[in-house]
N, C-alpha and C. Protein backbone atom coordinates (compact mmCIF):
# COMPACT_ATOMS: atom_id res chain seq x y z
N UNK A 1 -11.58 21.24 25.58
CA UNK A 1 -11.48 20.08 25.29
C UNK A 1 -12.05 18.73 26.27
N UNK A 2 -12.66 19.22 26.75
CA UNK A 2 -13.21 18.02 27.51
C UNK A 2 -14.43 17.35 26.53
N UNK A 3 -14.88 18.41 25.84
CA UNK A 3 -15.95 17.89 24.42
C UNK A 3 -15.29 16.82 23.79
N UNK A 4 -13.75 16.97 23.45
CA UNK A 4 -13.49 16.14 22.34
C UNK A 4 -13.29 14.61 23.02
N UNK A 5 -13.82 13.74 22.20
CA UNK A 5 -13.54 12.80 22.68
C UNK A 5 -12.41 11.74 22.08
N UNK A 6 -11.70 10.94 22.82
CA UNK A 6 -10.43 10.37 22.56
C UNK A 6 -11.12 8.82 22.39
N UNK A 7 -10.33 7.60 22.30
CA UNK A 7 -10.73 6.21 22.29
C UNK A 7 -9.48 5.87 23.32
N UNK A 8 -10.07 4.12 24.06
CA UNK A 8 -9.15 3.64 25.11
C UNK A 8 -8.35 2.84 23.61
N UNK A 9 -7.27 2.63 24.00
CA UNK A 9 -6.01 1.92 23.28
C UNK A 9 -6.57 0.10 23.84
N UNK A 10 -7.36 -0.56 22.81
CA UNK A 10 -7.44 -1.98 22.90
C UNK A 10 -6.16 -2.41 23.02
N UNK A 11 -6.21 -2.84 24.33
CA UNK A 11 -4.90 -4.24 24.35
C UNK A 11 -4.91 -5.43 23.39
N UNK A 12 -4.25 -6.05 22.92
CA UNK A 12 -4.37 -7.02 22.01
C UNK A 12 -4.36 -8.16 22.88
N UNK A 13 -4.91 -9.69 22.98
CA UNK A 13 -4.63 -10.48 23.72
C UNK A 13 -3.74 -11.10 22.76
N UNK A 14 -2.80 -12.70 23.55
CA UNK A 14 -1.73 -12.83 22.62
C UNK A 14 -2.07 -13.68 21.27
N UNK A 15 -3.12 -13.82 20.99
CA UNK A 15 -3.54 -14.53 19.19
C UNK A 15 -3.58 -13.12 18.44
N UNK A 16 -4.16 -12.25 19.19
CA UNK A 16 -3.84 -10.89 18.26
C UNK A 16 -2.49 -10.42 18.13
N UNK A 17 -1.85 -10.84 19.09
CA UNK A 17 -0.39 -9.46 18.83
C UNK A 17 0.69 -11.02 18.41
N UNK A 18 0.03 -12.20 17.99
CA UNK A 18 1.01 -13.27 17.26
C UNK A 18 0.38 -12.76 15.63
N UNK A 19 -0.59 -12.33 15.39
CA UNK A 19 -1.44 -11.99 14.26
C UNK A 19 -0.91 -10.87 13.68
N UNK A 20 -0.73 -10.00 14.45
CA UNK A 20 0.34 -8.85 13.90
C UNK A 20 1.40 -9.37 13.59
N UNK A 21 2.47 -10.01 14.29
CA UNK A 21 3.49 -10.34 14.28
C UNK A 21 3.79 -10.81 13.15
N UNK A 22 2.75 -11.74 13.00
CA UNK A 22 2.67 -12.47 11.40
C UNK A 22 3.00 -12.09 10.63
N UNK A 23 2.21 -11.21 10.33
CA UNK A 23 1.95 -10.19 9.26
C UNK A 23 2.64 -9.37 9.28
N UNK A 24 3.52 -8.63 9.69
CA UNK A 24 5.30 -8.03 10.10
C UNK A 24 5.96 -9.12 9.72
N UNK A 25 5.97 -10.01 9.98
CA UNK A 25 6.91 -11.34 9.38
C UNK A 25 6.80 -10.83 8.03
N UNK A 26 5.99 -11.78 7.60
CA UNK A 26 5.35 -11.56 6.19
C UNK A 26 5.84 -10.40 5.50
N UNK A 27 5.57 -9.45 5.75
CA UNK A 27 5.94 -7.71 5.27
C UNK A 27 7.29 -7.79 5.04
N UNK A 28 8.19 -8.35 6.15
CA UNK A 28 9.42 -8.20 6.11
C UNK A 28 10.31 -8.87 4.57
N UNK A 29 9.72 -9.86 4.67
CA UNK A 29 9.65 -10.81 3.65
C UNK A 29 9.68 -10.07 2.26
N UNK A 30 8.51 -9.64 2.33
CA UNK A 30 8.18 -8.40 0.77
C UNK A 30 9.08 -7.62 0.77
N UNK A 31 9.91 -7.17 1.42
CA UNK A 31 10.35 -5.53 1.63
C UNK A 31 10.90 -5.06 0.64
N UNK A 32 12.03 -6.48 -0.78
CA UNK A 32 12.37 -5.59 -1.29
C UNK A 32 11.80 -5.25 -2.59
N UNK A 33 10.51 -5.94 -2.47
CA UNK A 33 9.04 -5.45 -3.82
C UNK A 33 8.49 -4.38 -3.28
N UNK A 34 8.94 -3.63 -2.36
CA UNK A 34 7.94 -2.00 -1.79
C UNK A 34 6.74 -2.49 -1.50
N UNK A 35 6.57 -3.55 -0.95
CA UNK A 35 4.84 -3.49 -0.45
C UNK A 35 3.96 -2.48 -0.27
N UNK A 36 2.83 -2.31 -0.50
CA UNK A 36 1.78 -1.09 0.21
C UNK A 36 0.98 -2.01 0.89
N UNK A 37 1.22 -1.10 2.00
CA UNK A 37 -0.10 -1.75 2.87
C UNK A 37 -0.89 -0.55 3.30
N UNK A 38 -2.00 -0.97 3.84
CA UNK A 38 -2.80 -0.35 5.03
C UNK A 38 -2.62 -0.75 6.52
N UNK A 39 -2.28 0.31 6.79
CA UNK A 39 -1.91 -0.28 8.32
C UNK A 39 -3.22 0.45 9.40
N UNK A 40 -3.75 0.17 10.31
CA UNK A 40 -4.47 0.91 11.72
C UNK A 40 -3.60 0.39 12.75
N UNK A 41 -3.50 1.76 13.60
CA UNK A 41 -2.45 2.11 14.62
C UNK A 41 -3.18 2.87 15.68
N UNK A 42 -2.67 3.01 16.46
CA UNK A 42 -3.46 3.83 17.72
C UNK A 42 -2.26 5.32 17.52
N UNK A 43 -2.93 5.98 17.98
CA UNK A 43 -2.47 7.79 17.82
C UNK A 43 -2.49 8.21 19.27
N UNK A 44 -1.73 8.53 20.18
CA UNK A 44 -2.17 8.77 21.59
C UNK A 44 -2.59 10.10 21.72
N UNK A 45 -3.63 10.68 22.31
CA UNK A 45 -3.62 12.15 22.47
C UNK A 45 -2.89 12.88 23.36
N UNK A 46 -2.46 14.05 22.72
CA UNK A 46 -1.55 14.76 23.26
C UNK A 46 -1.53 15.71 24.38
N UNK A 47 -3.02 15.94 24.42
CA UNK A 47 -3.46 16.80 26.08
C UNK A 47 -3.74 15.75 27.02
N UNK A 48 -4.85 14.91 26.10
CA UNK A 48 -5.52 13.77 27.62
C UNK A 48 -5.43 12.15 27.34
N UNK A 49 -6.38 11.60 27.90
CA UNK A 49 -6.01 10.42 28.05
C UNK A 49 -6.28 9.86 27.03
N UNK A 50 -6.04 8.90 26.37
CA UNK A 50 -6.79 8.36 25.53
C UNK A 50 -6.24 8.46 24.05
N UNK A 51 -6.90 8.29 23.02
CA UNK A 51 -6.20 8.75 21.67
C UNK A 51 -7.08 8.41 20.11
N UNK A 52 -6.80 7.93 19.05
CA UNK A 52 -7.80 7.95 18.12
C UNK A 52 -6.88 6.39 17.30
N UNK A 53 -7.55 6.12 16.27
CA UNK A 53 -7.18 4.90 16.01
C UNK A 53 -7.39 5.49 14.33
N UNK A 54 -5.93 5.52 13.38
CA UNK A 54 -5.87 5.98 12.33
C UNK A 54 -5.82 4.72 11.14
N UNK A 55 -6.08 5.36 9.94
CA UNK A 55 -5.55 3.95 8.79
C UNK A 55 -4.88 4.64 7.86
N UNK A 56 -3.81 4.04 7.60
CA UNK A 56 -2.89 5.00 6.68
C UNK A 56 -2.77 3.99 5.30
N UNK A 57 -2.42 4.45 3.86
CA UNK A 57 -2.28 3.40 3.08
C UNK A 57 -0.68 3.80 2.97
N UNK A 58 0.63 3.11 2.71
CA UNK A 58 1.75 4.08 1.77
C UNK A 58 2.58 2.61 1.47
N UNK A 59 3.94 3.05 1.49
CA UNK A 59 4.48 1.98 0.65
C UNK A 59 5.82 1.59 1.53
N UNK A 60 6.07 0.83 2.05
CA UNK A 60 6.90 0.17 3.64
C UNK A 60 8.21 0.43 2.78
N UNK A 61 9.20 1.69 3.53
CA UNK A 61 10.79 1.24 3.23
C UNK A 61 11.27 0.38 4.04
N UNK A 62 11.02 -0.22 5.24
CA UNK A 62 11.88 -1.03 6.23
C UNK A 62 11.52 -0.78 7.36
N UNK A 63 11.39 -2.25 8.17
CA UNK A 63 10.91 -2.36 9.51
C UNK A 63 12.34 -1.97 10.20
N UNK A 64 12.20 -1.49 11.45
CA UNK A 64 13.34 -0.93 12.08
C UNK A 64 13.34 -1.68 13.47
N UNK A 65 13.44 -2.87 13.65
CA UNK A 65 13.40 -3.88 15.06
C UNK A 65 14.03 -3.48 15.82
N UNK A 66 15.30 -2.17 15.94
CA UNK A 66 15.92 -1.96 16.97
C UNK A 66 15.07 -0.66 18.00
N UNK A 67 14.78 -0.06 16.76
CA UNK A 67 14.15 1.39 17.37
C UNK A 67 12.56 1.30 17.20
N UNK A 68 11.72 -0.22 17.27
CA UNK A 68 10.41 -0.42 17.12
C UNK A 68 9.39 0.43 16.18
N UNK A 69 10.12 0.64 15.34
CA UNK A 69 9.16 1.67 14.36
C UNK A 69 9.32 1.05 12.64
N UNK A 70 7.84 1.57 12.09
CA UNK A 70 7.56 0.97 10.45
C UNK A 70 8.14 2.17 9.84
N UNK A 71 8.87 2.09 8.62
CA UNK A 71 8.99 3.61 8.45
C UNK A 71 9.10 3.44 6.89
N UNK A 72 7.84 4.10 6.76
CA UNK A 72 7.53 4.41 4.76
C UNK A 72 8.19 5.05 3.64
N UNK A 73 7.94 4.66 3.03
CA UNK A 73 8.62 5.51 1.59
C UNK A 73 8.48 6.95 2.27
N UNK A 74 7.61 7.81 2.34
CA UNK A 74 6.40 9.34 2.61
C UNK A 74 7.59 9.72 3.89
N UNK A 75 8.30 9.15 4.34
CA UNK A 75 9.12 9.43 5.59
C UNK A 75 8.22 9.15 6.93
N UNK A 76 6.79 9.07 6.74
CA UNK A 76 6.05 8.28 8.23
C UNK A 76 7.08 7.33 8.89
N UNK A 77 7.00 7.66 10.15
CA UNK A 77 6.84 6.74 11.16
C UNK A 77 5.91 6.13 12.14
N UNK A 78 5.68 4.64 11.93
CA UNK A 78 4.65 4.00 13.31
C UNK A 78 5.42 3.21 13.78
N UNK A 79 5.16 3.31 15.19
CA UNK A 79 5.89 2.84 16.68
C UNK A 79 4.60 1.35 16.13
N UNK A 80 5.76 -0.10 16.25
CA UNK A 80 5.38 -1.03 15.94
C UNK A 80 4.22 -1.81 17.03
N UNK A 81 4.44 -0.90 18.45
CA UNK A 81 3.63 -1.35 19.57
C UNK A 81 2.40 -0.55 19.10
N UNK A 82 2.02 0.62 18.50
CA UNK A 82 1.00 0.90 18.39
C UNK A 82 0.28 0.25 17.25
N UNK A 83 0.50 -0.39 16.25
CA UNK A 83 0.39 -1.26 15.56
C UNK A 83 -0.87 -2.04 15.40
N UNK A 84 -2.35 -1.79 15.26
CA UNK A 84 -3.21 -2.88 15.69
C UNK A 84 -3.79 -3.62 14.56
N UNK A 85 -3.72 -3.38 13.03
CA UNK A 85 -3.56 -3.96 12.13
C UNK A 85 -2.58 -3.57 10.94
N UNK A 86 -2.47 -4.72 9.59
CA UNK A 86 -1.67 -4.65 8.66
C UNK A 86 -2.16 -5.90 8.09
N UNK A 87 -2.38 -5.36 6.75
CA UNK A 87 -3.07 -5.36 5.36
C UNK A 87 -2.17 -5.22 4.24
N UNK A 88 -1.86 -6.03 3.77
CA UNK A 88 -0.91 -6.46 2.94
C UNK A 88 -1.72 -6.33 1.09
N UNK A 89 -1.31 -4.95 0.58
CA UNK A 89 -2.13 -4.76 -0.55
C UNK A 89 -1.49 -5.47 -1.72
N UNK A 90 -2.15 -6.27 -2.69
CA UNK A 90 -1.93 -6.73 -3.85
C UNK A 90 -1.26 -6.21 -4.78
């Protein structure tokens, strides 16, 4: 267990948070067209401090601001607070 490496969560500064928020706002506008995105987000480790960053590709179903999650059409959910980067694919 101690040999398994984990990454520390990168704390975004205000400009980076604004960048992610702007991408999510743009994504919200494109939702009727079911946009495809690449999302890099932090996945906390279940057993020790830290975690890992994962990149996934998928089609966004909706952004649930009340529960703070982004829902994909394949039933995956990503906590908005864990999102590091969003790229809307053409």
